[in-house]
Protein backbone atom coordinates (compact mmCIF):
# COMPACT_ATOMS: atom_id res chain seq x y z
CA MET A 1 -34.67 44.53 -25.20
CA THR A 2 -33.02 47.86 -24.42
CA ALA A 3 -30.19 48.01 -21.94
CA LYS A 4 -30.71 50.07 -18.82
CA PRO A 5 -28.08 52.56 -17.72
CA CYS A 6 -25.59 51.58 -15.04
CA PRO A 7 -26.90 52.62 -11.59
CA ILE A 8 -23.41 53.87 -10.61
CA CYS A 9 -22.13 55.88 -13.58
CA GLY A 10 -25.16 56.06 -15.91
CA LYS A 11 -23.44 54.54 -18.97
CA ILE A 12 -25.27 52.05 -21.15
CA PRO A 13 -23.39 48.74 -20.71
CA ALA A 14 -21.84 47.10 -23.78
CA GLU A 15 -23.10 43.64 -24.69
CA GLU A 16 -19.85 42.02 -23.51
CA ALA A 17 -20.36 43.58 -20.06
CA ALA A 18 -23.49 41.49 -19.44
CA ARG A 19 -21.67 39.45 -16.80
CA TYR A 20 -21.56 42.57 -14.58
CA ALA A 21 -25.27 43.31 -14.95
CA PRO A 22 -26.82 45.64 -13.91
CA PHE A 23 -23.47 47.46 -13.91
CA CYS A 24 -21.45 48.45 -16.97
CA SER A 25 -18.11 47.19 -15.66
CA HIS A 26 -16.25 45.40 -12.91
CA ARG A 27 -15.28 48.79 -11.47
CA CYS A 28 -18.89 49.93 -11.05
CA ALA A 29 -19.82 46.58 -9.49
CA GLN A 30 -16.98 47.05 -6.97
CA VAL A 31 -18.06 50.64 -6.20
CA ASP A 32 -21.55 49.35 -5.42
CA LEU A 33 -20.19 46.54 -3.22
CA ASN A 34 -18.04 49.04 -1.31
CA ARG A 35 -21.08 51.23 -0.68
CA TRP A 36 -22.95 48.23 0.76
CA LEU A 37 -20.05 47.19 2.96
CA LYS A 38 -19.45 50.72 4.29
CA GLY A 39 -23.16 51.19 5.10
CA GLY A 40 -23.79 53.74 2.36
CA TYR A 41 -27.16 52.18 1.56
CA ALA A 42 -28.36 51.97 5.17
CA ILE A 43 -31.89 53.14 5.85
CA PRO A 44 -31.89 55.73 8.62
CA ALA A 45 -34.03 54.72 11.57
CA VAL A 46 -35.56 56.79 14.33
CA GLU A 47 -35.54 55.00 17.63
CA GLU A 48 -38.73 55.44 19.60
CA ASP A 49 -38.95 55.35 23.37
CA ASP A 50 -40.08 52.02 24.77
CA PRO A 51 -43.55 52.58 26.33
CA ASP A 52 -42.84 49.94 29.02
CA GLU A 53 -39.75 51.81 30.24
CA SER A 54 -41.70 55.08 30.47
CA GLU A 55 -44.39 53.50 32.66
CA GLU A 56 -41.83 51.93 35.01
CA ALA A 57 -40.09 55.27 35.54
CA ALA A 58 -43.38 57.02 36.28
CA GLN A 59 -44.49 54.52 38.97
CA PRO A 60 -43.23 55.15 42.52
CA SER A 61 -40.87 52.58 43.94
CA ASP A 62 -41.97 50.40 46.90
CA ASN A 63 -38.44 50.45 48.35
CA LEU A 64 -38.55 54.08 49.54
CA HIS A 65 -39.53 53.20 53.14
């Protein structure tokens, strides 16, 4: 089984670093955790207009009289 490179630094982890898998070291594992906690891995979202709100705004109000 061949070791995969560390997703943070790209080094091939040593056998004794298996406890940090898939990272090569404690440092790289902490860098990854920090990215998660700071929102670095967030998926950007595009908010769409709510179709119900658009229809309500287009209808005339009954309270105008």
